[in-house]
């Protein structure tokens, strides 16, 4: 099992930026993929961005060009840089670690985009 701790959420105005962090309890090299998901009130959890063990990234269409997922392997940490934020980006953001035998989640961090 991998423990994941997210941080960096908060309240930001439309057009602003935030950087989320996800610290893992073990090396992320052995994890097939690390991802950021979000869940808005009344909606299903959706994939926002993911990065594989090989470094390949993919993004939801709604965030392409605005969000960037990255990692620092030595720190066992994955980041989500969010720029040009919109009110519809408001949600709880969750970090996920996908391995062949398990899928682990963090506790989530709230992102609110509002003027």
C-alpha atoms as a PDB file:
ATOM      1  CA  UNK A   1       0.000   0.000   0.000  1.00  0.00           C
ATOM      2  CA  UNK A   2       1.134   3.545  -0.770  1.00  0.00           C
ATOM      3  CA  UNK A   3       0.186   6.449   1.476  1.00  0.00           C
ATOM      4  CA  UNK A   4      -0.427   9.660  -0.432  1.00  0.00           C
ATOM      5  CA  UNK A   5      -0.680  13.157   1.029  1.00  0.00           C
ATOM      6  CA  UNK A   6      -1.962  16.016  -1.114  1.00  0.00           C
ATOM      7  CA  UNK A   7      -1.400  19.693  -0.416  1.00  0.00           C
ATOM      8  CA  UNK A   8      -1.610  23.040  -2.155  1.00  0.00           C
ATOM      9  CA  UNK A   9      -5.330  23.509  -2.587  1.00  0.00           C
ATOM     10  CA  UNK A  10      -7.154  26.699  -1.727  1.00  0.00           C
ATOM     11  CA  UNK A  11      -9.243  29.582  -2.973  1.00  0.00           C
ATOM     12  CA  UNK A  12      -8.110  31.369  -6.124  1.00  0.00           C
ATOM     13  CA  UNK A  13      -9.668  33.887  -8.475  1.00  0.00           C
ATOM     14  CA  UNK A  14     -10.503  32.978 -12.066  1.00  0.00           C
ATOM     15  CA  UNK A  15      -7.385  33.192 -14.199  1.00  0.00           C
ATOM     16  CA  UNK A  16      -5.152  32.423 -11.250  1.00  0.00           C
ATOM     17  CA  UNK A  17      -2.778  29.547 -10.592  1.00  0.00           C
ATOM     18  CA  UNK A  18      -2.207  26.856  -8.003  1.00  0.00           C
ATOM     19  CA  UNK A  19       0.277  24.030  -7.654  1.00  0.00           C
ATOM     20  CA  UNK A  20      -0.833  20.823  -6.002  1.00  0.00           C
ATOM     21  CA  UNK A  21       1.631  18.376  -4.485  1.00  0.00           C
ATOM     22  CA  UNK A  22       1.260  14.671  -3.793  1.00  0.00           C
ATOM     23  CA  UNK A  23       3.865  13.111  -1.529  1.00  0.00           C
ATOM     24  CA  UNK A  24       4.095   9.315  -1.602  1.00  0.00           C
ATOM     25  CA  UNK A  25       5.302   7.123   1.260  1.00  0.00           C
ATOM     26  CA  UNK A  26       7.570   5.118  -1.013  1.00  0.00           C
ATOM     27  CA  UNK A  27       9.453   5.430  -4.264  1.00  0.00           C
ATOM     28  CA  UNK A  28       7.186   6.280  -7.170  1.00  0.00           C
ATOM     29  CA  UNK A  29       9.437   4.450  -9.630  1.00  0.00           C
ATOM     30  CA  UNK A  30       7.715   1.173  -8.902  1.00  0.00           C
ATOM     31  CA  UNK A  31       4.265   2.635  -9.463  1.00  0.00           C
ATOM     32  CA  UNK A  32       2.732   2.078 -12.896  1.00  0.00           C
ATOM     33  CA  UNK A  33       1.105   5.490 -13.005  1.00  0.00           C
ATOM     34  CA  UNK A  34       0.443   8.465 -10.776  1.00  0.00           C
ATOM     35  CA  UNK A  35      -2.643  10.498 -11.457  1.00  0.00           C
ATOM     36  CA  UNK A  36      -4.657  13.477 -10.380  1.00  0.00           C
ATOM     37  CA  UNK A  37      -8.425  13.139 -10.291  1.00  0.00           C
ATOM     38  CA  UNK A  38     -11.117  15.563  -9.263  1.00  0.00           C
ATOM     39  CA  UNK A  39     -14.675  15.370  -8.055  1.00  0.00           C
ATOM     40  CA  UNK A  40     -17.075  18.265  -8.062  1.00  0.00           C
ATOM     41  CA  UNK A  41     -20.299  18.229  -6.008  1.00  0.00           C
ATOM     42  CA  UNK A  42     -22.893  15.994  -7.629  1.00  0.00           C
ATOM     43  CA  UNK A  43     -20.472  14.732 -10.270  1.00  0.00           C
ATOM     44  CA  UNK A  44     -18.418  11.612 -10.765  1.00  0.00           C
ATOM     45  CA  UNK A  45     -14.715  11.536 -10.074  1.00  0.00           C
ATOM     46  CA  UNK A  46     -12.787  12.184 -13.277  1.00  0.00           C
ATOM     47  CA  UNK A  47      -9.197  11.849 -14.403  1.00  0.00           C
ATOM     48  CA  UNK A  48      -7.438  15.191 -14.788  1.00  0.00           C
ATOM     49  CA  UNK A  49      -3.863  14.165 -15.586  1.00  0.00           C
ATOM     50  CA  UNK A  50      -1.585  11.181 -15.248  1.00  0.00           C
ATOM     51  CA  UNK A  51       2.083  10.311 -15.601  1.00  0.00           C
ATOM     52  CA  UNK A  52       3.366   6.799 -16.154  1.00  0.00           C
ATOM     53  CA  UNK A  53       6.496   5.240 -14.700  1.00  0.00           C
ATOM     54  CA  UNK A  54       8.147   5.926 -18.052  1.00  0.00           C
ATOM     55  CA  UNK A  55       7.237   9.596 -17.922  1.00  0.00           C
ATOM     56  CA  UNK A  56       4.411   9.615 -20.452  1.00  0.00           C
ATOM     57  CA  UNK A  57       1.700  12.118 -19.598  1.00  0.00           C
ATOM     58  CA  UNK A  58      -1.934  12.459 -20.569  1.00  0.00           C
ATOM     59  CA  UNK A  59      -4.583  15.034 -19.797  1.00  0.00           C
ATOM     60  CA  UNK A  60      -8.303  15.487 -19.853  1.00  0.00           C
ATOM     61  CA  UNK A  61      -9.367  17.622 -22.807  1.00  0.00           C
ATOM     62  CA  UNK A  62     -10.792  20.224 -20.442  1.00  0.00           C
ATOM     63  CA  UNK A  63      -7.374  20.982 -18.921  1.00  0.00           C
ATOM     64  CA  UNK A  64      -5.010  20.567 -21.867  1.00  0.00           C
ATOM     65  CA  UNK A  65      -2.806  23.590 -22.276  1.00  0.00           C
ATOM     66  CA  UNK A  66      -3.605  24.841 -18.765  1.00  0.00           C
ATOM     67  CA  UNK A  67      -2.491  22.059 -16.402  1.00  0.00           C
ATOM     68  CA  UNK A  68       0.862  20.296 -16.223  1.00  0.00           C
ATOM     69  CA  UNK A  69       1.668  17.132 -14.313  1.00  0.00           C
ATOM     70  CA  UNK A  70       5.253  16.524 -13.285  1.00  0.00           C
ATOM     71  CA  UNK A  71       7.282  14.579 -10.768  1.00  0.00           C
ATOM     72  CA  UNK A  72      10.466  14.691  -8.740  1.00  0.00           C
ATOM     73  CA  UNK A  73      11.437  11.062  -8.263  1.00  0.00           C
ATOM     74  CA  UNK A  74      14.002  11.807  -5.566  1.00  0.00           C
ATOM     75  CA  UNK A  75      11.268  13.423  -3.473  1.00  0.00           C
ATOM     76  CA  UNK A  76       8.626  10.755  -4.218  1.00  0.00           C
ATOM     77  CA  UNK A  77       6.390  13.647  -5.192  1.00  0.00           C
ATOM     78  CA  UNK A  78       4.053  14.385  -8.073  1.00  0.00           C
ATOM     79  CA  UNK A  79       2.828  17.881  -8.870  1.00  0.00           C
ATOM     80  CA  UNK A  80      -0.072  19.412 -10.724  1.00  0.00           C
ATOM     81  CA  UNK A  81       0.533  22.948 -11.927  1.00  0.00           C
ATOM     82  CA  UNK A  82      -2.801  24.570 -12.692  1.00  0.00           C
ATOM     83  CA  UNK A  83      -2.885  27.820 -14.656  1.00  0.00           C
ATOM     84  CA  UNK A  84      -5.710  29.917 -16.094  1.00  0.00           C
ATOM     85  CA  UNK A  85      -8.090  28.414 -13.581  1.00  0.00           C
ATOM     86  CA  UNK A  86     -11.801  28.559 -14.252  1.00  0.00           C
ATOM     87  CA  UNK A  87     -14.795  28.289 -11.905  1.00  0.00           C
ATOM     88  CA  UNK A  88     -15.556  24.886 -13.429  1.00  0.00           C
ATOM     89  CA  UNK A  89     -12.206  23.626 -12.100  1.00  0.00           C
ATOM     90  CA  UNK A  90     -13.643  23.846  -8.597  1.00  0.00           C
ATOM     91  CA  UNK A  91     -13.523  20.384  -7.031  1.00  0.00           C
ATOM     92  CA  UNK A  92     -11.763  18.167  -4.546  1.00  0.00           C
ATOM     93  CA  UNK A  93      -8.555  16.970  -6.175  1.00  0.00           C
ATOM     94  CA  UNK A  94      -7.265  13.501  -5.368  1.00  0.00           C
ATOM     95  CA  UNK A  95      -3.910  11.877  -5.993  1.00  0.00           C
ATOM     96  CA  UNK A  96      -3.858   8.246  -7.120  1.00  0.00           C
ATOM     97  CA  UNK A  97      -1.126   5.633  -7.302  1.00  0.00           C
ATOM     98  CA  UNK A  98      -1.875   2.764  -9.668  1.00  0.00           C
ATOM     99  CA  UNK A  99       0.093  -0.436  -9.329  1.00  0.00           C
ATOM    100  CA  UNK A 100      -0.534  -3.861 -10.806  1.00  0.00           C
ATOM    101  CA  UNK A 101      -2.066  -5.081  -7.564  1.00  0.00           C
ATOM    102  CA  UNK A 102      -3.631  -1.992  -6.045  1.00  0.00           C
ATOM    103  CA  UNK A 103      -4.909   1.522  -6.455  1.00  0.00           C
ATOM    104  CA  UNK A 104      -4.300   3.925  -3.594  1.00  0.00           C
ATOM    105  CA  UNK A 105      -5.851   7.337  -2.970  1.00  0.00           C
ATOM    106  CA  UNK A 106      -4.975  10.386  -0.971  1.00  0.00           C
ATOM    107  CA  UNK A 107      -7.446  12.241   1.222  1.00  0.00           C
ATOM    108  CA  UNK A 108      -8.015  15.010  -1.311  1.00  0.00           C
ATOM    109  CA  UNK A 109      -7.465  18.753  -1.344  1.00  0.00           C
ATOM    110  CA  UNK A 110     -10.122  21.346  -2.091  1.00  0.00           C
ATOM    111  CA  UNK A 111      -9.649  23.760  -4.987  1.00  0.00           C
ATOM    112  CA  UNK A 112     -12.137  26.607  -5.254  1.00  0.00           C
ATOM    113  CA  UNK A 113     -12.051  29.038  -8.164  1.00  0.00           C
ATOM    114  CA  UNK A 114     -14.220  32.046  -7.440  1.00  0.00           C
ATOM    115  CA  UNK A 115     -14.172  35.821  -7.512  1.00  0.00           C
END
